[in-house]
Amino acid sequence: MTTFVRTHLICGVLLASAAAVGCAEIHAQPLDGMRRGSLRTVYVVPMPEEDRGIAELFVADLRGRGLEVIQGVDDRAEIVGAKSDAVLRYQAKWWWDITPYLISLDAQLRDPSTHGVIAAAQSYRPSLQRVEPAKMVHEVNDALLGERSTRK
């Protein structure tokens, strides 16, 4: 095999490998402007058996945006309805590639009385685009609330 063919073959394999890795994505169905204006208090429901501090990251990020945040596991309408304007539920998916990392974070803001979804967002970051969980939480909250991120 000539050097020219070998070089092009190696470049082709590397290009195909890079394409297979995937790209970071964020998908959102944000709050409409009227709901965002009336949102003052959010009730954060931790994922069952979640021990990596994602709920606390949501709480800290939302408080940093000037919202009042309550954290609890009971999201029944009669308990939460009088206390909050929205309930935040999330699903964190962790993956392992030499070290564990957060590959996907889905979150929904729900109406506290009907449990209907009023906003939803997902951040997906494969291994080569991984970031700290706090940054993914910030991205998801930006998407949920229809805000532009100023954080790098």
N, C-alpha and C. Protein backbone atom coordinates (compact mmCIF):
# COMPACT_ATOMS: atom_id res chain seq x y z
N MET A 1 0.85 -1.17 0.00
CA MET A 1 0.00 0.00 0.00
C MET A 1 0.90 1.24 0.00
N THR A 2 0.58 2.17 -0.87
CA THR A 2 1.41 3.37 -0.96
C THR A 2 1.15 4.30 0.22
N THR A 3 2.07 5.20 0.46
CA THR A 3 1.93 6.16 1.55
C THR A 3 0.70 7.04 1.33
N PHE A 4 0.46 7.42 0.07
CA PHE A 4 -0.69 8.26 -0.26
C PHE A 4 -2.00 7.57 0.13
N VAL A 5 -2.16 6.32 -0.26
CA VAL A 5 -3.38 5.56 0.04
C VAL A 5 -3.51 5.35 1.55
N ARG A 6 -2.41 4.98 2.19
CA ARG A 6 -2.43 4.75 3.64
C ARG A 6 -2.83 6.04 4.38
N THR A 7 -2.29 7.17 3.99
CA THR A 7 -2.60 8.45 4.63
C THR A 7 -4.08 8.78 4.46
N HIS A 8 -4.61 8.60 3.26
CA HIS A 8 -6.03 8.89 3.03
C HIS A 8 -6.93 7.90 3.76
N LEU A 9 -6.51 6.67 3.87
CA LEU A 9 -7.28 5.68 4.60
C LEU A 9 -7.33 6.04 6.09
N ILE A 10 -6.21 6.42 6.65
CA ILE A 10 -6.16 6.82 8.06
C ILE A 10 -7.00 8.07 8.29
N CYS A 11 -6.91 9.06 7.39
CA CYS A 11 -7.72 10.27 7.51
C CYS A 11 -9.21 9.95 7.44
N GLY A 12 -9.58 9.04 6.57
CA GLY A 12 -10.98 8.64 6.46
C GLY A 12 -11.49 7.98 7.73
N VAL A 13 -10.68 7.12 8.31
CA VAL A 13 -11.06 6.45 9.56
C VAL A 13 -11.20 7.48 10.68
N LEU A 14 -10.25 8.41 10.78
CA LEU A 14 -10.32 9.44 11.82
C LEU A 14 -11.54 10.33 11.63
N LEU A 15 -11.85 10.70 10.40
CA LEU A 15 -13.02 11.52 10.12
C LEU A 15 -14.31 10.79 10.49
N ALA A 16 -14.39 9.52 10.14
CA ALA A 16 -15.57 8.72 10.49
C ALA A 16 -15.70 8.58 12.00
N SER A 17 -14.59 8.42 12.70
CA SER A 17 -14.62 8.31 14.16
C SER A 17 -15.11 9.60 14.78
N ALA A 18 -14.64 10.73 14.28
CA ALA A 18 -15.06 12.02 14.81
C ALA A 18 -16.55 12.24 14.58
N ALA A 19 -17.05 11.82 13.43
CA ALA A 19 -18.47 11.99 13.13
C ALA A 19 -19.34 11.11 14.01
N ALA A 20 -18.82 9.97 14.41
CA ALA A 20 -19.60 9.04 15.23
C ALA A 20 -19.68 9.47 16.69
N VAL A 21 -18.83 10.39 17.11
CA VAL A 21 -18.79 10.81 18.51
C VAL A 21 -20.07 11.55 18.88
N GLY A 22 -20.59 12.37 18.01
CA GLY A 22 -21.81 13.10 18.31
C GLY A 22 -21.50 14.51 18.77
N CYS A 23 -22.55 15.30 18.87
CA CYS A 23 -22.41 16.70 19.26
C CYS A 23 -23.28 16.98 20.47
N ALA A 24 -22.87 18.00 21.21
CA ALA A 24 -23.67 18.45 22.33
C ALA A 24 -24.95 19.08 21.79
N GLU A 25 -26.06 18.85 22.47
CA GLU A 25 -27.35 19.37 22.02
C GLU A 25 -28.13 19.89 23.21
N ILE A 26 -28.96 20.89 22.95
CA ILE A 26 -29.93 21.31 23.94
C ILE A 26 -31.25 21.54 23.22
N HIS A 27 -32.30 20.95 23.75
CA HIS A 27 -33.64 21.09 23.19
C HIS A 27 -34.51 21.74 24.24
N ALA A 28 -35.43 22.61 23.80
CA ALA A 28 -36.24 23.31 24.78
C ALA A 28 -37.62 23.64 24.27
N GLN A 29 -38.55 23.63 25.20
CA GLN A 29 -39.89 24.18 25.04
C GLN A 29 -40.01 25.13 26.24
N PRO A 30 -39.55 26.41 26.08
CA PRO A 30 -39.46 27.30 27.23
C PRO A 30 -40.81 27.84 27.69
N LEU A 31 -40.80 28.42 28.88
CA LEU A 31 -41.96 29.11 29.40
C LEU A 31 -42.33 30.25 28.47
N ASP A 32 -43.63 30.50 28.31
CA ASP A 32 -43.99 31.68 27.55
C ASP A 32 -43.77 32.92 28.43
N GLY A 33 -43.72 34.07 27.83
CA GLY A 33 -43.39 35.30 28.54
C GLY A 33 -44.32 35.61 29.70
N MET A 34 -45.62 35.33 29.53
CA MET A 34 -46.57 35.63 30.61
C MET A 34 -46.30 34.76 31.83
N ARG A 35 -46.05 33.49 31.62
CA ARG A 35 -45.78 32.60 32.76
C ARG A 35 -44.46 32.96 33.43
N ARG A 36 -43.45 33.31 32.62
CA ARG A 36 -42.14 33.66 33.20
C ARG A 36 -42.28 34.87 34.11
N GLY A 37 -43.09 35.84 33.72
CA GLY A 37 -43.29 37.04 34.54
C GLY A 37 -43.96 36.76 35.87
N SER A 38 -44.77 35.72 35.93
CA SER A 38 -45.48 35.41 37.17
C SER A 38 -44.78 34.33 38.00
N LEU A 39 -43.67 33.81 37.51
CA LEU A 39 -42.94 32.75 38.22
C LEU A 39 -42.09 33.37 39.33
N ARG A 40 -42.45 33.05 40.57
CA ARG A 40 -41.71 33.57 41.72
C ARG A 40 -41.13 32.44 42.58
N THR A 41 -41.87 31.33 42.69
CA THR A 41 -41.47 30.24 43.56
C THR A 41 -41.50 28.92 42.79
N VAL A 42 -40.43 28.15 42.92
CA VAL A 42 -40.32 26.84 42.26
C VAL A 42 -40.10 25.78 43.32
N TYR A 43 -40.83 24.69 43.20
CA TYR A 43 -40.71 23.54 44.09
C TYR A 43 -39.89 22.49 43.36
N VAL A 44 -38.70 22.18 43.83
CA VAL A 44 -37.80 21.21 43.18
C VAL A 44 -37.97 19.84 43.83
N VAL A 45 -38.28 18.84 43.00
CA VAL A 45 -38.45 17.47 43.47
C VAL A 45 -37.20 16.67 43.06
N PRO A 46 -36.39 16.22 44.02
CA PRO A 46 -35.21 15.43 43.67
C PRO A 46 -35.58 14.11 43.02
N MET A 47 -34.70 13.63 42.16
CA MET A 47 -34.86 12.31 41.56
C MET A 47 -34.74 11.26 42.67
N PRO A 48 -35.58 10.24 42.66
CA PRO A 48 -35.46 9.20 43.69
C PRO A 48 -34.06 8.59 43.70
N GLU A 49 -33.53 8.43 44.88
CA GLU A 49 -32.23 7.80 45.09
C GLU A 49 -31.09 8.51 44.37
N GLU A 50 -31.25 9.80 44.07
CA GLU A 50 -30.20 10.57 43.42
C GLU A 50 -29.26 11.09 44.50
N ASP A 51 -27.98 10.75 44.37
CA ASP A 51 -27.04 11.12 45.42
C ASP A 51 -25.86 11.94 44.89
N ARG A 52 -26.03 12.56 43.73
CA ARG A 52 -24.91 13.31 43.15
C ARG A 52 -25.11 14.82 43.22
N GLY A 53 -26.13 15.27 43.94
CA GLY A 53 -26.30 16.69 44.20
C GLY A 53 -26.93 17.51 43.09
N ILE A 54 -27.60 16.88 42.14
CA ILE A 54 -28.20 17.62 41.04
C ILE A 54 -29.34 18.52 41.54
N ALA A 55 -30.16 18.02 42.47
CA ALA A 55 -31.24 18.84 43.01
C ALA A 55 -30.69 20.10 43.66
N GLU A 56 -29.61 19.97 44.40
CA GLU A 56 -29.00 21.13 45.04
C GLU A 56 -28.46 22.12 44.01
N LEU A 57 -27.95 21.61 42.89
CA LEU A 57 -27.48 22.50 41.82
C LEU A 57 -28.65 23.27 41.21
N PHE A 58 -29.79 22.60 41.00
CA PHE A 58 -30.98 23.30 40.51
C PHE A 58 -31.41 24.38 41.50
N VAL A 59 -31.44 24.03 42.78
CA VAL A 59 -31.85 24.99 43.82
C VAL A 59 -30.93 26.21 43.79
N ALA A 60 -29.62 25.99 43.79
CA ALA A 60 -28.67 27.11 43.81
C ALA A 60 -28.79 27.98 42.56
N ASP A 61 -28.93 27.35 41.38
CA ASP A 61 -29.01 28.11 40.14
C ASP A 61 -30.30 28.94 40.08
N LEU A 62 -31.42 28.34 40.49
CA LEU A 62 -32.68 29.08 40.47
C LEU A 62 -32.67 30.22 41.49
N ARG A 63 -32.09 29.99 42.65
CA ARG A 63 -31.97 31.07 43.63
C ARG A 63 -31.08 32.19 43.09
N GLY A 64 -30.04 31.82 42.37
CA GLY A 64 -29.17 32.82 41.75
C GLY A 64 -29.89 33.68 40.72
N ARG A 65 -31.01 33.21 40.23
CA ARG A 65 -31.82 33.96 39.27
C ARG A 65 -32.90 34.78 39.97
N GLY A 66 -32.87 34.78 41.29
CA GLY A 66 -33.82 35.59 42.05
C GLY A 66 -35.13 34.91 42.37
N LEU A 67 -35.22 33.61 42.16
CA LEU A 67 -36.45 32.88 42.45
C LEU A 67 -36.39 32.28 43.85
N GLU A 68 -37.53 32.18 44.49
CA GLU A 68 -37.61 31.46 45.75
C GLU A 68 -37.73 29.98 45.40
N VAL A 69 -37.00 29.14 46.12
CA VAL A 69 -36.98 27.72 45.80
C VAL A 69 -37.25 26.91 47.05
N ILE A 70 -38.14 25.93 46.91
CA ILE A 70 -38.45 24.98 47.97
C ILE A 70 -38.07 23.61 47.43
N GLN A 71 -37.46 22.79 48.27
CA GLN A 71 -37.09 21.44 47.84
C GLN A 71 -37.84 20.44 48.70
N GLY A 72 -38.43 19.45 48.06
CA GLY A 72 -39.15 18.42 48.78
C GLY A 72 -39.52 17.27 47.88
N VAL A 73 -39.95 16.18 48.48
CA VAL A 73 -40.27 14.99 47.69
C VAL A 73 -41.76 14.82 47.44
N ASP A 74 -42.59 15.54 48.16
CA ASP A 74 -44.04 15.40 48.04
C ASP A 74 -44.58 16.51 47.14
N ASP A 75 -45.00 16.16 45.92
CA ASP A 75 -45.48 17.19 45.00
C ASP A 75 -47.00 17.11 44.76
N ARG A 76 -47.73 16.58 45.76
CA ARG A 76 -49.19 16.56 45.63
C ARG A 76 -49.72 17.99 45.57
N ALA A 77 -50.74 18.20 44.75
CA ALA A 77 -51.28 19.53 44.52
C ALA A 77 -51.68 20.24 45.81
N GLU A 78 -52.27 19.51 46.73
CA GLU A 78 -52.73 20.17 47.96
C GLU A 78 -51.55 20.61 48.84
N ILE A 79 -50.40 20.01 48.66
CA ILE A 79 -49.21 20.39 49.43
C ILE A 79 -48.46 21.52 48.72
N VAL A 80 -48.25 21.37 47.43
CA VAL A 80 -47.40 22.29 46.68
C VAL A 80 -48.17 23.48 46.12
N GLY A 81 -49.41 23.30 45.76
CA GLY A 81 -50.18 24.33 45.07
C GLY A 81 -50.15 25.69 45.73
N ALA A 82 -50.29 25.74 47.02
CA ALA A 82 -50.29 27.02 47.73
C ALA A 82 -48.89 27.56 47.93
N LYS A 83 -47.89 26.71 47.80
CA LYS A 83 -46.51 27.12 48.08
C LYS A 83 -45.73 27.58 46.86
N SER A 84 -46.09 27.13 45.66
CA SER A 84 -45.23 27.41 44.51
C SER A 84 -46.03 27.69 43.24
N ASP A 85 -45.32 28.31 42.30
CA ASP A 85 -45.90 28.61 40.99
C ASP A 85 -45.61 27.51 39.98
N ALA A 86 -44.59 26.69 40.26
CA ALA A 86 -44.22 25.59 39.35
C ALA A 86 -43.46 24.52 40.13
N VAL A 87 -43.55 23.29 39.62
CA VAL A 87 -42.81 22.16 40.18
C VAL A 87 -41.76 21.75 39.15
N LEU A 88 -40.50 21.64 39.58
CA LEU A 88 -39.43 21.21 38.69
C LEU A 88 -39.09 19.76 39.00
N ARG A 89 -39.21 18.92 37.97
CA ARG A 89 -38.79 17.51 38.06
C ARG A 89 -37.71 17.32 37.02
N TYR A 90 -36.76 16.44 37.29
CA TYR A 90 -35.66 16.22 36.36
C TYR A 90 -35.27 14.76 36.34
N GLN A 91 -34.56 14.39 35.29
CA GLN A 91 -33.98 13.06 35.14
C GLN A 91 -32.52 13.26 34.72
N ALA A 92 -31.62 12.74 35.51
CA ALA A 92 -30.19 12.84 35.21
C ALA A 92 -29.69 11.47 34.78
N LYS A 93 -29.03 11.41 33.65
CA LYS A 93 -28.48 10.13 33.17
C LYS A 93 -26.95 10.25 33.18
N TRP A 94 -26.35 9.38 33.95
CA TRP A 94 -24.90 9.36 34.06
C TRP A 94 -24.33 8.26 33.18
N TRP A 95 -23.12 8.47 32.69
CA TRP A 95 -22.44 7.53 31.84
C TRP A 95 -21.01 7.38 32.34
N TRP A 96 -20.35 6.38 31.86
CA TRP A 96 -18.98 6.15 32.29
C TRP A 96 -18.08 6.07 31.08
N ASP A 97 -17.01 6.87 31.08
CA ASP A 97 -15.97 6.82 30.07
C ASP A 97 -14.67 7.21 30.78
N ILE A 98 -14.03 6.26 31.37
CA ILE A 98 -12.87 6.40 32.25
C ILE A 98 -13.30 6.97 33.60
N THR A 99 -14.13 8.02 33.58
CA THR A 99 -14.72 8.56 34.81
C THR A 99 -16.21 8.74 34.56
N PRO A 100 -17.02 8.74 35.61
CA PRO A 100 -18.45 8.98 35.40
C PRO A 100 -18.70 10.45 35.04
N TYR A 101 -19.69 10.68 34.19
CA TYR A 101 -20.05 12.05 33.82
C TYR A 101 -21.53 12.09 33.48
N LEU A 102 -22.10 13.28 33.58
CA LEU A 102 -23.51 13.51 33.28
C LEU A 102 -23.64 13.64 31.77
N ILE A 103 -24.30 12.67 31.14
CA ILE A 103 -24.44 12.69 29.68
C ILE A 103 -25.73 13.39 29.25
N SER A 104 -26.77 13.28 30.08
CA SER A 104 -28.06 13.86 29.69
C SER A 104 -28.79 14.36 30.93
N LEU A 105 -29.40 15.53 30.79
CA LEU A 105 -30.19 16.11 31.86
C LEU A 105 -31.49 16.63 31.27
N ASP A 106 -32.60 16.02 31.66
CA ASP A 106 -33.93 16.43 31.21
C ASP A 106 -34.64 17.07 32.39
N ALA A 107 -35.36 18.14 32.13
CA ALA A 107 -36.12 18.79 33.21
C ALA A 107 -37.45 19.29 32.67
N GLN A 108 -38.43 19.29 33.55
CA GLN A 108 -39.75 19.79 33.20
C GLN A 108 -40.23 20.71 34.32
N LEU A 109 -40.80 21.84 33.95
CA LEU A 109 -41.54 22.66 34.89
C LEU A 109 -43.00 22.28 34.71
N ARG A 110 -43.66 21.97 35.82
CA ARG A 110 -45.05 21.51 35.76
C ARG A 110 -45.95 22.43 36.56
N ASP A 111 -47.19 22.53 36.14
CA ASP A 111 -48.19 23.27 36.88
C ASP A 111 -48.44 22.53 38.19
N PRO A 112 -48.38 23.20 39.34
CA PRO A 112 -48.52 22.49 40.61
C PRO A 112 -49.90 21.89 40.86
N SER A 113 -50.93 22.42 40.23
CA SER A 113 -52.26 21.87 40.48
C SER A 113 -52.65 20.78 39.49
N THR A 114 -52.21 20.87 38.24
CA THR A 114 -52.60 19.87 37.24
C THR A 114 -51.48 18.91 36.89
N HIS A 115 -50.25 19.24 37.25
CA HIS A 115 -49.05 18.48 36.90
C HIS A 115 -48.76 18.49 35.40
N GLY A 116 -49.47 19.35 34.64
CA GLY A 116 -49.20 19.47 33.21
C GLY A 116 -47.87 20.17 32.97
N VAL A 117 -47.17 19.75 31.92
CA VAL A 117 -45.88 20.35 31.59
C VAL A 117 -46.10 21.75 31.03
N ILE A 118 -45.42 22.74 31.64
CA ILE A 118 -45.51 24.11 31.13
C ILE A 118 -44.20 24.55 30.46
N ALA A 119 -43.13 23.81 30.70
CA ALA A 119 -41.85 24.04 30.01
C ALA A 119 -41.02 22.77 30.14
N ALA A 120 -40.17 22.52 29.15
CA ALA A 120 -39.31 21.33 29.18
C ALA A 120 -38.00 21.64 28.48
N ALA A 121 -36.93 21.00 28.94
CA ALA A 121 -35.62 21.19 28.31
C ALA A 121 -34.77 19.95 28.52
N GLN A 122 -33.84 19.73 27.59
CA GLN A 122 -32.90 18.62 27.69
C GLN A 122 -31.54 19.09 27.23
N SER A 123 -30.52 18.74 28.00
CA SER A 123 -29.13 18.97 27.59
C SER A 123 -28.47 17.61 27.44
N TYR A 124 -27.83 17.40 26.30
CA TYR A 124 -27.15 16.14 26.02
C TYR A 124 -25.71 16.47 25.66
N ARG A 125 -24.77 15.86 26.36
CA ARG A 125 -23.35 16.11 26.12
C ARG A 125 -22.59 14.80 26.16
N PRO A 126 -22.18 14.28 24.99
CA PRO A 126 -21.39 13.06 24.97
C PRO A 126 -20.01 13.30 25.55
N SER A 127 -19.25 12.25 25.66
CA SER A 127 -17.98 12.24 26.37
C SER A 127 -17.04 13.39 26.00
N LEU A 128 -16.84 13.64 24.72
CA LEU A 128 -15.87 14.66 24.34
C LEU A 128 -16.37 16.08 24.55
N GLN A 129 -17.67 16.27 24.77
CA GLN A 129 -18.21 17.59 25.04
C GLN A 129 -18.71 17.73 26.48
N ARG A 130 -18.27 16.84 27.34
CA ARG A 130 -18.77 16.87 28.72
C ARG A 130 -18.36 18.16 29.42
N VAL A 131 -19.24 18.58 30.35
CA VAL A 131 -18.99 19.74 31.19
C VAL A 131 -19.40 19.37 32.61
N GLU A 132 -19.09 20.24 33.54
CA GLU A 132 -19.49 20.01 34.93
C GLU A 132 -21.01 20.00 35.04
N PRO A 133 -21.57 19.20 35.95
CA PRO A 133 -23.02 19.16 36.12
C PRO A 133 -23.65 20.54 36.37
N ALA A 134 -22.96 21.42 37.09
CA ALA A 134 -23.50 22.77 37.35
C ALA A 134 -23.74 23.53 36.05
N LYS A 135 -22.86 23.36 35.06
CA LYS A 135 -23.04 24.04 33.77
C LYS A 135 -24.23 23.46 33.02
N MET A 136 -24.42 22.14 33.09
CA MET A 136 -25.59 21.54 32.43
C MET A 136 -26.88 22.01 33.09
N VAL A 137 -26.89 22.11 34.41
CA VAL A 137 -28.08 22.61 35.12
C VAL A 137 -28.35 24.05 34.67
N HIS A 138 -27.31 24.86 34.58
CA HIS A 138 -27.47 26.25 34.14
C HIS A 138 -28.04 26.32 32.72
N GLU A 139 -27.53 25.48 31.82
CA GLU A 139 -28.04 25.43 30.44
C GLU A 139 -29.51 25.04 30.40
N VAL A 140 -29.86 24.04 31.19
CA VAL A 140 -31.26 23.57 31.22
C VAL A 140 -32.17 24.67 31.77
N ASN A 141 -31.74 25.33 32.85
CA ASN A 141 -32.56 26.41 33.40
C ASN A 141 -32.70 27.57 32.42
N ASP A 142 -31.61 27.91 31.70
CA ASP A 142 -31.70 28.93 30.65
C ASP A 142 -32.77 28.55 29.64
N ALA A 143 -32.74 27.29 29.22
CA ALA A 143 -33.71 26.82 28.21
C ALA A 143 -35.13 26.80 28.76
N LEU A 144 -35.30 26.33 30.00
CA LEU A 144 -36.64 26.29 30.60
C LEU A 144 -37.25 27.68 30.72
N LEU A 145 -36.43 28.63 31.14
CA LEU A 145 -36.92 29.98 31.43
C LEU A 145 -36.84 30.91 30.22
N GLY A 146 -36.31 30.39 29.10
CA GLY A 146 -36.22 31.20 27.88
C GLY A 146 -35.20 32.31 28.01
N GLU A 147 -34.12 32.05 28.72
CA GLU A 147 -33.08 33.06 28.93
C GLU A 147 -31.83 32.68 28.15
N ARG A 148 -31.04 33.68 27.84
CA ARG A 148 -29.76 33.47 27.18
C ARG A 148 -28.69 33.38 28.26
N SER A 149 -27.80 32.44 28.10
CA SER A 149 -26.74 32.26 29.08
C SER A 149 -25.62 33.28 28.87
N THR A 150 -25.12 33.81 29.99
CA THR A 150 -23.96 34.68 29.93
C THR A 150 -22.75 33.94 30.48
N ARG A 151 -22.97 32.74 31.00
CA ARG A 151 -21.88 31.94 31.56
C ARG A 151 -21.16 31.21 30.44
N LYS A 152 -19.86 31.17 30.52
CA LYS A 152 -19.05 30.43 29.54
C LYS A 152 -18.63 29.11 30.11
